[in-house]
C-alpha cells in the first residue's frame, strides 16, 4: 500500500463488492459485519476501503476504470447466458434489463470524462 496514492480505485470484485454484500445481509438478517480496512483493487494495489468507489464518476485510477469496464461487460454476458439455461430463475427480459444496466455502467467506466 502506498500512502501517497491520491487516486480513487475500484475493488477487484467491483460487481460483487463488499459493501453490496454487507447491505444485503444487513437488510435480510439485521446483521452488519465490519467492512475490511484494506481491499485489493482492480489495478492490483491494496488500499484503504475508503479510497475505493463503485461509481464511475469517482474513480480516478485509469487501470481500475479499465478493470471495472471489463468486469461489468463480463457480468452482463453472464447474466444473459444464465437466462438462456433451462429452468433459469431469471427471464430473458429481466436478464436484458440487468445486462443493459451493467453495459451502461461499463460504458461510463470507459468514458474518461465521467
PDB file of N, CA and C in Angstrom:
ATOM      1  N   UNK A   1       0.849  -1.172   0.000  1.00  0.00           N
ATOM      2  CA  UNK A   1       0.000   0.000   0.000  1.00  0.00           C
ATOM      3  C   UNK A   1       0.893   1.232   0.000  1.00  0.00           C
ATOM      4  N   UNK A   2       0.614   2.140  -0.884  1.00  0.00           N
ATOM      5  CA  UNK A   2       1.360   3.384  -0.990  1.00  0.00           C
ATOM      6  C   UNK A   2       0.535   4.498  -0.369  1.00  0.00           C
ATOM      7  N   UNK A   3       0.988   5.040   0.743  1.00  0.00           N
ATOM      8  CA  UNK A   3       0.256   6.092   1.437  1.00  0.00           C
ATOM      9  C   UNK A   3       0.156   7.389   0.659  1.00  0.00           C
ATOM     10  N   UNK A   4       0.921   7.508  -0.428  1.00  0.00           N
ATOM     11  CA  UNK A   4       0.910   8.732  -1.215  1.00  0.00           C
ATOM     12  C   UNK A   4       0.041   8.625  -2.466  1.00  0.00           C
ATOM     13  N   UNK A   5      -0.693   7.544  -2.618  1.00  0.00           N
ATOM     14  CA  UNK A   5      -1.525   7.345  -3.798  1.00  0.00           C
ATOM     15  C   UNK A   5      -2.787   8.199  -3.674  1.00  0.00           C
ATOM     16  N   UNK A   6      -2.931   9.212  -4.535  1.00  0.00           N
ATOM     17  CA  UNK A   6      -4.090  10.101  -4.426  1.00  0.00           C
ATOM     18  C   UNK A   6      -5.333   9.589  -5.162  1.00  0.00           C
ATOM     19  N   UNK A   7      -5.210   8.476  -5.870  1.00  0.00           N
ATOM     20  CA  UNK A   7      -6.303   8.007  -6.727  1.00  0.00           C
ATOM     21  C   UNK A   7      -7.410   7.284  -5.967  1.00  0.00           C
ATOM     22  N   UNK A   8      -8.594   7.363  -6.541  1.00  0.00           N
ATOM     23  CA  UNK A   8      -9.733   6.579  -6.081  1.00  0.00           C
ATOM     24  C   UNK A   8      -9.795   5.352  -6.985  1.00  0.00           C
ATOM     25  N   UNK A   9      -9.913   4.186  -6.379  1.00  0.00           N
ATOM     26  CA  UNK A   9      -9.854   2.910  -7.093  1.00  0.00           C
ATOM     27  C   UNK A   9     -11.208   2.207  -7.042  1.00  0.00           C
ATOM     28  N   UNK A  10     -11.274   1.027  -7.678  1.00  0.00           N
ATOM     29  CA  UNK A  10     -12.419   0.132  -7.516  1.00  0.00           C
ATOM     30  C   UNK A  10     -11.909  -1.159  -6.905  1.00  0.00           C
ATOM     31  N   UNK A  11     -12.784  -1.837  -6.159  1.00  0.00           N
ATOM     32  CA  UNK A  11     -12.423  -3.153  -5.632  1.00  0.00           C
ATOM     33  C   UNK A  11     -12.225  -4.111  -6.803  1.00  0.00           C
ATOM     34  N   UNK A  12     -11.373  -5.108  -6.610  1.00  0.00           N
ATOM     35  CA  UNK A  12     -11.130  -6.071  -7.685  1.00  0.00           C
ATOM     36  C   UNK A  12     -12.423  -6.801  -8.057  1.00  0.00           C
ATOM     37  N   UNK A  13     -13.313  -6.991  -7.085  1.00  0.00           N
ATOM     38  CA  UNK A  13     -14.624  -7.614  -7.349  1.00  0.00           C
ATOM     39  C   UNK A  13     -15.674  -6.522  -7.390  1.00  0.00           C
ATOM     40  N   UNK A  14     -15.520  -5.605  -8.307  1.00  0.00           N
ATOM     41  CA  UNK A  14     -16.356  -4.403  -8.367  1.00  0.00           C
ATOM     42  C   UNK A  14     -17.840  -4.729  -8.504  1.00  0.00           C
ATOM     43  N   UNK A  15     -18.186  -5.769  -9.222  1.00  0.00           N
ATOM     44  CA  UNK A  15     -19.596  -6.111  -9.405  1.00  0.00           C
ATOM     45  C   UNK A  15     -20.170  -6.736  -8.145  1.00  0.00           C
ATOM     46  N   UNK A  16     -19.334  -7.435  -7.387  1.00  0.00           N
ATOM     47  CA  UNK A  16     -19.779  -8.121  -6.168  1.00  0.00           C
ATOM     48  C   UNK A  16     -19.064  -7.543  -4.957  1.00  0.00           C
ATOM     49  N   UNK A  17     -19.037  -6.230  -4.833  1.00  0.00           N
ATOM     50  CA  UNK A  17     -18.281  -5.568  -3.784  1.00  0.00           C
ATOM     51  C   UNK A  17     -18.745  -5.891  -2.377  1.00  0.00           C
ATOM     52  N   UNK A  18     -17.832  -5.702  -1.421  1.00  0.00           N
ATOM     53  CA  UNK A  18     -18.118  -5.979  -0.013  1.00  0.00           C
ATOM     54  C   UNK A  18     -19.316  -5.197   0.505  1.00  0.00           C
ATOM     55  N   UNK A  19     -19.418  -3.931   0.133  1.00  0.00           N
ATOM     56  CA  UNK A  19     -20.499  -3.096   0.659  1.00  0.00           C
ATOM     57  C   UNK A  19     -21.863  -3.619   0.216  1.00  0.00           C
ATOM     58  N   UNK A  20     -21.976  -4.061  -1.022  1.00  0.00           N
ATOM     59  CA  UNK A  20     -23.257  -4.581  -1.511  1.00  0.00           C
ATOM     60  C   UNK A  20     -23.658  -5.839  -0.758  1.00  0.00           C
ATOM     61  N   UNK A  21     -22.699  -6.723  -0.541  1.00  0.00           N
ATOM     62  CA  UNK A  21     -22.969  -7.952   0.205  1.00  0.00           C
ATOM     63  C   UNK A  21     -23.346  -7.608   1.644  1.00  0.00           C
ATOM     64  N   UNK A  22     -22.612  -6.703   2.250  1.00  0.00           N
ATOM     65  CA  UNK A  22     -22.884  -6.278   3.631  1.00  0.00           C
ATOM     66  C   UNK A  22     -24.296  -5.697   3.744  1.00  0.00           C
ATOM     67  N   UNK A  23     -24.673  -4.849   2.793  1.00  0.00           N
ATOM     68  CA  UNK A  23     -26.002  -4.236   2.828  1.00  0.00           C
ATOM     69  C   UNK A  23     -27.102  -5.275   2.666  1.00  0.00           C
ATOM     70  N   UNK A  24     -26.883  -6.267   1.796  1.00  0.00           N
ATOM     71  CA  UNK A  24     -27.881  -7.308   1.596  1.00  0.00           C
ATOM     72  C   UNK A  24     -28.061  -8.127   2.878  1.00  0.00           C
ATOM     73  N   UNK A  25     -26.966  -8.507   3.517  1.00  0.00           N
ATOM     74  CA  UNK A  25     -27.039  -9.282   4.753  1.00  0.00           C
ATOM     75  C   UNK A  25     -27.701  -8.462   5.856  1.00  0.00           C
ATOM     76  N   UNK A  26     -27.350  -7.192   5.925  1.00  0.00           N
ATOM     77  CA  UNK A  26     -27.941  -6.326   6.949  1.00  0.00           C
ATOM     78  C   UNK A  26     -29.443  -6.188   6.752  1.00  0.00           C
ATOM     79  N   UNK A  27     -29.881  -6.017   5.513  1.00  0.00           N
ATOM     80  CA  UNK A  27     -31.317  -5.849   5.279  1.00  0.00           C
ATOM     81  C   UNK A  27     -32.072  -7.159   5.432  1.00  0.00           C
ATOM     82  N   UNK A  28     -31.422  -8.290   5.170  1.00  0.00           N
ATOM     83  CA  UNK A  28     -32.084  -9.587   5.278  1.00  0.00           C
ATOM     84  C   UNK A  28     -32.144 -10.093   6.708  1.00  0.00           C
ATOM     85  N   UNK A  29     -31.006 -10.024   7.403  1.00  0.00           N
ATOM     86  CA  UNK A  29     -30.909 -10.642   8.726  1.00  0.00           C
ATOM     87  C   UNK A  29     -30.762  -9.646   9.874  1.00  0.00           C
ATOM     88  N   UNK A  30     -30.606  -8.380   9.559  1.00  0.00           N
ATOM     89  CA  UNK A  30     -30.412  -7.394  10.609  1.00  0.00           C
ATOM     90  C   UNK A  30     -29.015  -7.432  11.208  1.00  0.00           C
ATOM     91  N   UNK A  31     -28.074  -8.044  10.490  1.00  0.00           N
ATOM     92  CA  UNK A  31     -26.681  -8.123  10.936  1.00  0.00           C
ATOM     93  C   UNK A  31     -25.810  -7.255  10.044  1.00  0.00           C
ATOM     94  N   UNK A  32     -24.844  -6.597  10.626  1.00  0.00           N
ATOM     95  CA  UNK A  32     -23.939  -5.768   9.830  1.00  0.00           C
ATOM     96  C   UNK A  32     -22.505  -6.081  10.231  1.00  0.00           C
ATOM     97  N   UNK A  33     -21.787  -6.721   9.357  1.00  0.00           N
ATOM     98  CA  UNK A  33     -20.380  -7.022   9.599  1.00  0.00           C
ATOM     99  C   UNK A  33     -19.512  -5.825   9.279  1.00  0.00           C
ATOM    100  N   UNK A  34     -18.316  -5.852   9.793  1.00  0.00           N
ATOM    101  CA  UNK A  34     -17.372  -4.775   9.510  1.00  0.00           C
ATOM    102  C   UNK A  34     -16.847  -4.908   8.089  1.00  0.00           C
ATOM    103  N   UNK A  35     -16.644  -3.768   7.453  1.00  0.00           N
ATOM    104  CA  UNK A  35     -16.006  -3.758   6.150  1.00  0.00           C
ATOM    105  C   UNK A  35     -14.500  -3.894   6.358  1.00  0.00           C
ATOM    106  N   UNK A  36     -13.797  -4.475   5.392  1.00  0.00           N
ATOM    107  CA  UNK A  36     -12.350  -4.610   5.545  1.00  0.00           C
ATOM    108  C   UNK A  36     -11.674  -3.245   5.515  1.00  0.00           C
ATOM    109  N   UNK A  37     -10.578  -3.111   6.232  1.00  0.00           N
ATOM    110  CA  UNK A  37      -9.879  -1.828   6.226  1.00  0.00           C
ATOM    111  C   UNK A  37      -9.081  -1.658   4.936  1.00  0.00           C
ATOM    112  N   UNK A  38      -8.531  -2.749   4.409  1.00  0.00           N
ATOM    113  CA  UNK A  38      -7.799  -2.722   3.137  1.00  0.00           C
ATOM    114  C   UNK A  38      -8.463  -3.669   2.155  1.00  0.00           C
ATOM    115  N   UNK A  39      -8.495  -3.262   0.882  1.00  0.00           N
ATOM    116  CA  UNK A  39      -9.054  -4.119  -0.162  1.00  0.00           C
ATOM    117  C   UNK A  39      -8.092  -4.164  -1.341  1.00  0.00           C
ATOM    118  N   UNK A  40      -8.185  -5.248  -2.105  1.00  0.00           N
ATOM    119  CA  UNK A  40      -7.415  -5.345  -3.341  1.00  0.00           C
ATOM    120  C   UNK A  40      -8.222  -4.662  -4.433  1.00  0.00           C
ATOM    121  N   UNK A  41      -7.536  -3.862  -5.224  1.00  0.00           N
ATOM    122  CA  UNK A  41      -8.210  -3.073  -6.253  1.00  0.00           C
ATOM    123  C   UNK A  41      -8.055  -3.711  -7.634  1.00  0.00           C
ATOM    124  N   UNK A  42      -8.766  -3.152  -8.586  1.00  0.00           N
ATOM    125  CA  UNK A  42      -8.694  -3.624  -9.960  1.00  0.00           C
ATOM    126  C   UNK A  42      -7.322  -3.484 -10.574  1.00  0.00           C
ATOM    127  N   UNK A  43      -6.516  -2.559 -10.073  1.00  0.00           N
ATOM    128  CA  UNK A  43      -5.165  -2.377 -10.593  1.00  0.00           C
ATOM    129  C   UNK A  43      -4.140  -3.206  -9.828  1.00  0.00           C
ATOM    130  N   UNK A  44      -4.622  -3.965  -8.826  1.00  0.00           N
ATOM    131  CA  UNK A  44      -3.738  -4.853  -8.085  1.00  0.00           C
ATOM    132  C   UNK A  44      -3.167  -4.295  -6.800  1.00  0.00           C
ATOM    133  N   UNK A  45      -3.437  -3.042  -6.488  1.00  0.00           N
ATOM    134  CA  UNK A  45      -2.933  -2.456  -5.239  1.00  0.00           C
ATOM    135  C   UNK A  45      -3.845  -2.833  -4.079  1.00  0.00           C
ATOM    136  N   UNK A  46      -3.299  -2.742  -2.868  1.00  0.00           N
ATOM    137  CA  UNK A  46      -4.097  -2.874  -1.640  1.00  0.00           C
ATOM    138  C   UNK A  46      -4.193  -1.472  -1.068  1.00  0.00           C
ATOM    139  N   UNK A  47      -5.411  -0.985  -0.974  1.00  0.00           N
ATOM    140  CA  UNK A  47      -5.630   0.389  -0.498  1.00  0.00           C
ATOM    141  C   UNK A  47      -6.709   0.386   0.575  1.00  0.00           C
ATOM    142  N   UNK A  48      -6.795   1.447   1.367  1.00  0.00           N
ATOM    143  CA  UNK A  48      -7.893   1.551   2.324  1.00  0.00           C
ATOM    144  C   UNK A  48      -9.236   1.522   1.592  1.00  0.00           C
ATOM    145  N   UNK A  49     -10.204   0.836   2.194  1.00  0.00           N
ATOM    146  CA  UNK A  49     -11.537   0.740   1.592  1.00  0.00           C
ATOM    147  C   UNK A  49     -12.090   2.128   1.273  1.00  0.00           C
ATOM    148  N   UNK A  50     -11.776   3.101   2.109  1.00  0.00           N
ATOM    149  CA  UNK A  50     -12.269   4.467   1.917  1.00  0.00           C
ATOM    150  C   UNK A  50     -11.744   5.104   0.630  1.00  0.00           C
ATOM    151  N   UNK A  51     -10.709   4.534   0.031  1.00  0.00           N
ATOM    152  CA  UNK A  51     -10.143   5.073  -1.212  1.00  0.00           C
ATOM    153  C   UNK A  51     -10.679   4.325  -2.433  1.00  0.00           C
ATOM    154  N   UNK A  52     -11.843   3.684  -2.288  1.00  0.00           N
ATOM    155  CA  UNK A  52     -12.467   2.983  -3.402  1.00  0.00           C
ATOM    156  C   UNK A  52     -13.887   3.498  -3.610  1.00  0.00           C
ATOM    157  N   UNK A  53     -14.390   3.283  -4.809  1.00  0.00           N
ATOM    158  CA  UNK A  53     -15.766   3.644  -5.117  1.00  0.00           C
ATOM    159  C   UNK A  53     -16.262   2.777  -6.267  1.00  0.00           C
ATOM    160  N   UNK A  54     -17.519   2.366  -6.233  1.00  0.00           N
ATOM    161  CA  UNK A  54     -18.094   1.640  -7.368  1.00  0.00           C
ATOM    162  C   UNK A  54     -18.666   2.593  -8.424  1.00  0.00           C
ATOM    163  N   UNK A  55     -18.633   3.898  -8.151  1.00  0.00           N
ATOM    164  CA  UNK A  55     -19.224   4.882  -9.053  1.00  0.00           C
ATOM    165  C   UNK A  55     -18.191   5.353 -10.083  1.00  0.00           C
ATOM    166  N   UNK A  56     -18.509   5.204 -11.362  1.00  0.00           N
ATOM    167  CA  UNK A  56     -17.554   5.605 -12.406  1.00  0.00           C
ATOM    168  C   UNK A  56     -17.084   7.050 -12.282  1.00  0.00           C
ATOM    169  N   UNK A  57     -17.965   7.947 -11.878  1.00  0.00           N
ATOM    170  CA  UNK A  57     -17.589   9.365 -11.804  1.00  0.00           C
ATOM    171  C   UNK A  57     -16.582   9.659 -10.694  1.00  0.00           C
ATOM    172  N   UNK A  58     -16.408   8.734  -9.751  1.00  0.00           N
ATOM    173  CA  UNK A  58     -15.485   8.958  -8.635  1.00  0.00           C
ATOM    174  C   UNK A  58     -14.111   8.319  -8.850  1.00  0.00           C
ATOM    175  N   UNK A  59     -14.022   7.309  -9.701  1.00  0.00           N
ATOM    176  CA  UNK A  59     -12.787   6.538  -9.861  1.00  0.00           C
ATOM    177  C   UNK A  59     -11.802   7.305 -10.742  1.00  0.00           C
ATOM    178  N   UNK A  60     -10.597   7.538 -10.196  1.00  0.00           N
ATOM    179  CA  UNK A  60      -9.583   8.294 -10.925  1.00  0.00           C
ATOM    180  C   UNK A  60      -8.425   7.433 -11.414  1.00  0.00           C
ATOM    181  N   UNK A  61      -8.308   6.203 -10.945  1.00  0.00           N
ATOM    182  CA  UNK A  61      -7.249   5.304 -11.385  1.00  0.00           C
ATOM    183  C   UNK A  61      -7.657   4.708 -12.739  1.00  0.00           C
ATOM    184  N   UNK A  62      -6.881   4.976 -13.769  1.00  0.00           N
ATOM    185  CA  UNK A  62      -7.238   4.521 -15.116  1.00  0.00           C
ATOM    186  C   UNK A  62      -7.233   3.000 -15.241  1.00  0.00           C
ATOM    187  N   UNK A  63      -6.297   2.333 -14.581  1.00  0.00           N
ATOM    188  CA  UNK A  63      -6.254   0.866 -14.631  1.00  0.00           C
ATOM    189  C   UNK A  63      -7.495   0.283 -13.959  1.00  0.00           C
ATOM    190  N   UNK A  64      -7.938   0.881 -12.878  1.00  0.00           N
ATOM    191  CA  UNK A  64      -9.150   0.420 -12.192  1.00  0.00           C
ATOM    192  C   UNK A  64     -10.386   0.679 -13.048  1.00  0.00           C
ATOM    193  N   UNK A  65     -10.409   1.792 -13.756  1.00  0.00           N
ATOM    194  CA  UNK A  65     -11.541   2.086 -14.648  1.00  0.00           C
ATOM    195  C   UNK A  65     -11.635   1.018 -15.735  1.00  0.00           C
ATOM    196  N   UNK A  66     -10.505   0.650 -16.298  1.00  0.00           N
ATOM    197  CA  UNK A  66     -10.490  -0.393 -17.338  1.00  0.00           C
ATOM    198  C   UNK A  66     -10.936  -1.731 -16.757  1.00  0.00           C
ATOM    199  N   UNK A  67     -10.446  -2.055 -15.573  1.00  0.00           N
ATOM    200  CA  UNK A  67     -10.836  -3.301 -14.907  1.00  0.00           C
ATOM    201  C   UNK A  67     -12.354  -3.334 -14.686  1.00  0.00           C
ATOM    202  N   UNK A  68     -12.913  -2.261 -14.153  1.00  0.00           N
ATOM    203  CA  UNK A  68     -14.349  -2.195 -13.881  1.00  0.00           C
ATOM    204  C   UNK A  68     -15.155  -2.287 -15.172  1.00  0.00           C
ATOM    205  N   UNK A  69     -14.672  -1.640 -16.210  1.00  0.00           N
ATOM    206  CA  UNK A  69     -15.328  -1.698 -17.526  1.00  0.00           C
ATOM    207  C   UNK A  69     -15.452  -3.153 -17.978  1.00  0.00           C
ATOM    208  N   UNK A  70     -14.343  -3.885 -17.934  1.00  0.00           N
ATOM    209  CA  UNK A  70     -14.351  -5.286 -18.373  1.00  0.00           C
ATOM    210  C   UNK A  70     -15.186  -6.171 -17.459  1.00  0.00           C
ATOM    211  N   UNK A  71     -15.129  -5.948 -16.147  1.00  0.00           N
ATOM    212  CA  UNK A  71     -15.910  -6.758 -15.206  1.00  0.00           C
ATOM    213  C   UNK A  71     -17.414  -6.581 -15.417  1.00  0.00           C
ATOM    214  N   UNK A  72     -17.840  -5.369 -15.659  1.00  0.00           N
ATOM    215  CA  UNK A  72     -19.275  -5.136 -15.885  1.00  0.00           C
ATOM    216  C   UNK A  72     -19.723  -5.745 -17.216  1.00  0.00           C
ATOM    217  N   UNK A  73     -18.863  -5.703 -18.235  1.00  0.00           N
ATOM    218  CA  UNK A  73     -19.213  -6.359 -19.502  1.00  0.00           C
ATOM    219  C   UNK A  73     -19.311  -7.869 -19.323  1.00  0.00           C
ATOM    220  N   UNK A  74     -18.351  -8.458 -18.592  1.00  0.00           N
ATOM    221  CA  UNK A  74     -18.390  -9.904 -18.335  1.00  0.00           C
ATOM    222  C   UNK A  74     -19.645 -10.294 -17.561  1.00  0.00           C
ATOM    223  N   UNK A  75     -19.997  -9.488 -16.579  1.00  0.00           N
ATOM    224  CA  UNK A  75     -21.182  -9.782 -15.788  1.00  0.00           C
ATOM    225  C   UNK A  75     -22.441  -9.726 -16.660  1.00  0.00           C
ATOM    226  N   UNK A  76     -22.525  -8.724 -17.525  1.00  0.00           N
ATOM    227  CA  UNK A  76     -23.678  -8.600 -18.427  1.00  0.00           C
ATOM    228  C   UNK A  76     -23.811  -9.842 -19.307  1.00  0.00           C
ATOM    229  N   UNK A  77     -22.703 -10.309 -19.849  1.00  0.00           N
ATOM    230  CA  UNK A  77     -22.733 -11.515 -20.686  1.00  0.00           C
ATOM    231  C   UNK A  77     -23.155 -12.733 -19.871  1.00  0.00           C
ATOM    232  N   UNK A  78     -22.660 -12.829 -18.645  1.00  0.00           N
ATOM    233  CA  UNK A  78     -23.002 -13.955 -17.784  1.00  0.00           C
ATOM    234  C   UNK A  78     -24.478 -13.994 -17.435  1.00  0.00           C
ATOM    235  N   UNK A  79     -25.064 -12.839 -17.171  1.00  0.00           N
ATOM    236  CA  UNK A  79     -26.493 -12.765 -16.842  1.00  0.00           C
ATOM    237  C   UNK A  79     -27.319 -13.219 -18.040  1.00  0.00           C
ATOM    238  N   UNK A  80     -26.943 -12.754 -19.213  1.00  0.00           N
ATOM    239  CA  UNK A  80     -27.688 -13.163 -20.416  1.00  0.00           C
ATOM    240  C   UNK A  80     -27.548 -14.667 -20.663  1.00  0.00           C
ATOM    241  N   UNK A  81     -26.354 -15.185 -20.450  1.00  0.00           N
ATOM    242  CA  UNK A  81     -26.136 -16.627 -20.619  1.00  0.00           C
ATOM    243  C   UNK A  81     -26.977 -17.423 -19.617  1.00  0.00           C
ATOM    244  N   UNK A  82     -27.029 -16.958 -18.391  1.00  0.00           N
ATOM    245  CA  UNK A  82     -27.808 -17.615 -17.347  1.00  0.00           C
ATOM    246  C   UNK A  82     -29.291 -17.674 -17.713  1.00  0.00           C
ATOM    247  N   UNK A  83     -29.803 -16.613 -18.285  1.00  0.00           N
ATOM    248  CA  UNK A  83     -31.235 -16.563 -18.604  1.00  0.00           C
ATOM    249  C   UNK A  83     -31.619 -17.565 -19.695  1.00  0.00           C
ATOM    250  N   UNK A  84     -30.649 -17.996 -20.476  1.00  0.00           N
ATOM    251  CA  UNK A  84     -30.932 -18.945 -21.562  1.00  0.00           C
ATOM    252  C   UNK A  84     -30.865 -20.404 -21.112  1.00  0.00           C
ATOM    253  N   UNK A  85     -30.428 -20.640 -19.882  1.00  0.00           N
ATOM    254  CA  UNK A  85     -30.345 -22.012 -19.386  1.00  0.00           C
ATOM    255  C   UNK A  85     -31.735 -22.543 -19.053  1.00  0.00           C
ATOM    256  N   UNK A  86     -31.970 -23.827 -19.322  1.00  0.00           N
ATOM    257  CA  UNK A  86     -33.269 -24.409 -18.964  1.00  0.00           C
ATOM    258  C   UNK A  86     -33.496 -24.321 -17.451  1.00  0.00           C
ATOM    259  N   UNK A  87     -34.684 -23.909 -17.064  1.00  0.00           N
ATOM    260  CA  UNK A  87     -35.024 -23.815 -15.650  1.00  0.00           C
ATOM    261  C   UNK A  87     -34.433 -22.615 -14.940  1.00  0.00           C
ATOM    262  N   UNK A  88     -33.913 -21.666 -15.682  1.00  0.00           N
ATOM    263  CA  UNK A  88     -33.308 -20.486 -15.082  1.00  0.00           C
ATOM    264  C   UNK A  88     -34.341 -19.706 -14.290  1.00  0.00           C
ATOM    265  N   UNK A  89     -33.908 -19.134 -13.189  1.00  0.00           N
ATOM    266  CA  UNK A  89     -34.794 -18.333 -12.346  1.00  0.00           C
ATOM    267  C   UNK A  89     -34.917 -16.900 -12.821  1.00  0.00           C
ATOM    268  N   UNK A  90     -34.261 -16.576 -13.911  1.00  0.00           N
ATOM    269  CA  UNK A  90     -34.310 -15.216 -14.442  1.00  0.00           C
ATOM    270  C   UNK A  90     -34.814 -15.277 -15.882  1.00  0.00           C
ATOM    271  N   UNK A  91     -35.783 -14.439 -16.199  1.00  0.00           N
ATOM    272  CA  UNK A  91     -36.346 -14.440 -17.546  1.00  0.00           C
ATOM    273  C   UNK A  91     -35.419 -13.706 -18.508  1.00  0.00           C
ATOM    274  N   UNK A  92     -35.655 -13.909 -19.781  1.00  0.00           N
ATOM    275  CA  UNK A  92     -34.859 -13.225 -20.807  1.00  0.00           C
ATOM    276  C   UNK A  92     -35.023 -11.713 -20.690  1.00  0.00           C
ATOM    277  N   UNK A  93     -36.243 -11.261 -20.408  1.00  0.00           N
ATOM    278  CA  UNK A  93     -36.492  -9.819 -20.280  1.00  0.00           C
ATOM    279  C   UNK A  93     -35.762  -9.239 -19.065  1.00  0.00           C
ATOM    280  N   UNK A  94     -35.810  -9.957 -17.937  1.00  0.00           N
ATOM    281  CA  UNK A  94     -35.100  -9.497 -16.736  1.00  0.00           C
ATOM    282  C   UNK A  94     -33.596  -9.467 -16.984  1.00  0.00           C
ATOM    283  N   UNK A  95     -33.106 -10.488 -17.657  1.00  0.00           N
ATOM    284  CA  UNK A  95     -31.677 -10.551 -17.965  1.00  0.00           C
ATOM    285  C   UNK A  95     -31.260  -9.399 -18.861  1.00  0.00           C
ATOM    286  N   UNK A  96     -32.101  -9.083 -19.835  1.00  0.00           N
ATOM    287  CA  UNK A  96     -31.770  -7.978 -20.733  1.00  0.00           C
ATOM    288  C   UNK A  96     -31.687  -6.665 -19.967  1.00  0.00           C
ATOM    289  N   UNK A  97     -32.632  -6.439 -19.056  1.00  0.00           N
ATOM    290  CA  UNK A  97     -32.589  -5.212 -18.242  1.00  0.00           C
ATOM    291  C   UNK A  97     -31.309  -5.130 -17.414  1.00  0.00           C
ATOM    292  N   UNK A  98     -30.969  -6.236 -16.746  1.00  0.00           N
ATOM    293  CA  UNK A  98     -29.758  -6.259 -15.918  1.00  0.00           C
ATOM    294  C   UNK A  98     -28.513  -6.093 -16.782  1.00  0.00           C
ATOM    295  N   UNK A  99     -28.467  -6.798 -17.908  1.00  0.00           N
ATOM    296  CA  UNK A  99     -27.305  -6.708 -18.792  1.00  0.00           C
ATOM    297  C   UNK A  99     -27.152  -5.294 -19.349  1.00  0.00           C
ATOM    298  N   UNK A 100     -28.260  -4.700 -19.760  1.00  0.00           N
ATOM    299  CA  UNK A 100     -28.205  -3.322 -20.276  1.00  0.00           C
ATOM    300  C   UNK A 100     -27.691  -2.359 -19.211  1.00  0.00           C
ATOM    301  N   UNK A 101     -28.122  -2.563 -17.974  1.00  0.00           N
ATOM    302  CA  UNK A 101     -27.668  -1.694 -16.867  1.00  0.00           C
ATOM    303  C   UNK A 101     -26.155  -1.821 -16.679  1.00  0.00           C
ATOM    304  N   UNK A 102     -25.662  -3.047 -16.692  1.00  0.00           N
ATOM    305  CA  UNK A 102     -24.222  -3.250 -16.491  1.00  0.00           C
ATOM    306  C   UNK A 102     -23.412  -2.787 -17.699  1.00  0.00           C
ATOM    307  N   UNK A 103     -23.969  -2.899 -18.878  1.00  0.00           N
ATOM    308  CA  UNK A 103     -23.263  -2.359 -20.057  1.00  0.00           C
ATOM    309  C   UNK A 103     -23.189  -0.839 -19.997  1.00  0.00           C
ATOM    310  N   UNK A 104     -24.235  -0.220 -19.464  1.00  0.00           N
ATOM    311  CA  UNK A 104     -24.211   1.232 -19.291  1.00  0.00           C
ATOM    312  C   UNK A 104     -23.146   1.632 -18.262  1.00  0.00           C
ATOM    313  N   UNK A 105     -23.080   0.900 -17.169  1.00  0.00           N
ATOM    314  CA  UNK A 105     -22.042   1.178 -16.164  1.00  0.00           C
ATOM    315  C   UNK A 105     -20.659   0.975 -16.782  1.00  0.00           C
ATOM    316  N   UNK A 106     -20.491  -0.096 -17.557  1.00  0.00           N
ATOM    317  CA  UNK A 106     -19.204  -0.354 -18.223  1.00  0.00           C
ATOM    318  C   UNK A 106     -18.842   0.807 -19.142  1.00  0.00           C
ATOM    319  N   UNK A 107     -19.833   1.299 -19.889  1.00  0.00           N
ATOM    320  CA  UNK A 107     -19.586   2.434 -20.790  1.00  0.00           C
ATOM    321  C   UNK A 107     -19.126   3.654 -20.005  1.00  0.00           C
ATOM    322  N   UNK A 108     -19.748   3.888 -18.842  1.00  0.00           N
ATOM    323  CA  UNK A 108     -19.361   5.054 -18.027  1.00  0.00           C
ATOM    324  C   UNK A 108     -17.952   4.901 -17.469  1.00  0.00           C
ATOM    325  N   UNK A 109     -17.530   3.660 -17.166  1.00  0.00           N
ATOM    326  CA  UNK A 109     -16.154   3.459 -16.706  1.00  0.00           C
ATOM    327  C   UNK A 109     -15.156   3.685 -17.845  1.00  0.00           C
ATOM    328  N   UNK A 110     -15.565   3.396 -19.077  1.00  0.00           N
ATOM    329  CA  UNK A 110     -14.628   3.582 -20.189  1.00  0.00           C
ATOM    330  C   UNK A 110     -14.566   5.029 -20.637  1.00  0.00           C
ATOM    331  N   UNK A 111     -15.540   5.828 -20.239  1.00  0.00           N
ATOM    332  CA  UNK A 111     -15.573   7.248 -20.571  1.00  0.00           C
ATOM    333  C   UNK A 111     -14.719   8.008 -19.571  1.00  0.00           C
ATOM    334  N   UNK A 112     -13.550   8.458 -19.975  1.00  0.00           N
ATOM    335  CA  UNK A 112     -12.628   9.124 -19.054  1.00  0.00           C
ATOM    336  C   UNK A 112     -13.099  10.528 -18.682  1.00  0.00           C
ATOM    337  N   UNK A 113     -14.175  10.997 -19.307  1.00  0.00           N
ATOM    338  CA  UNK A 113     -14.697  12.331 -18.990  1.00  0.00           C
ATOM    339  C   UNK A 113     -15.737  12.279 -17.877  1.00  0.00           C
ATOM    340  N   UNK A 114     -16.129  11.050 -17.416  1.00  0.00           N
ATOM    341  CA  UNK A 114     -17.207  10.976 -16.414  1.00  0.00           C
ATOM    342  C   UNK A 114     -16.744  11.400 -15.050  1.00  0.00           C
TER     343      UNK A 114
END
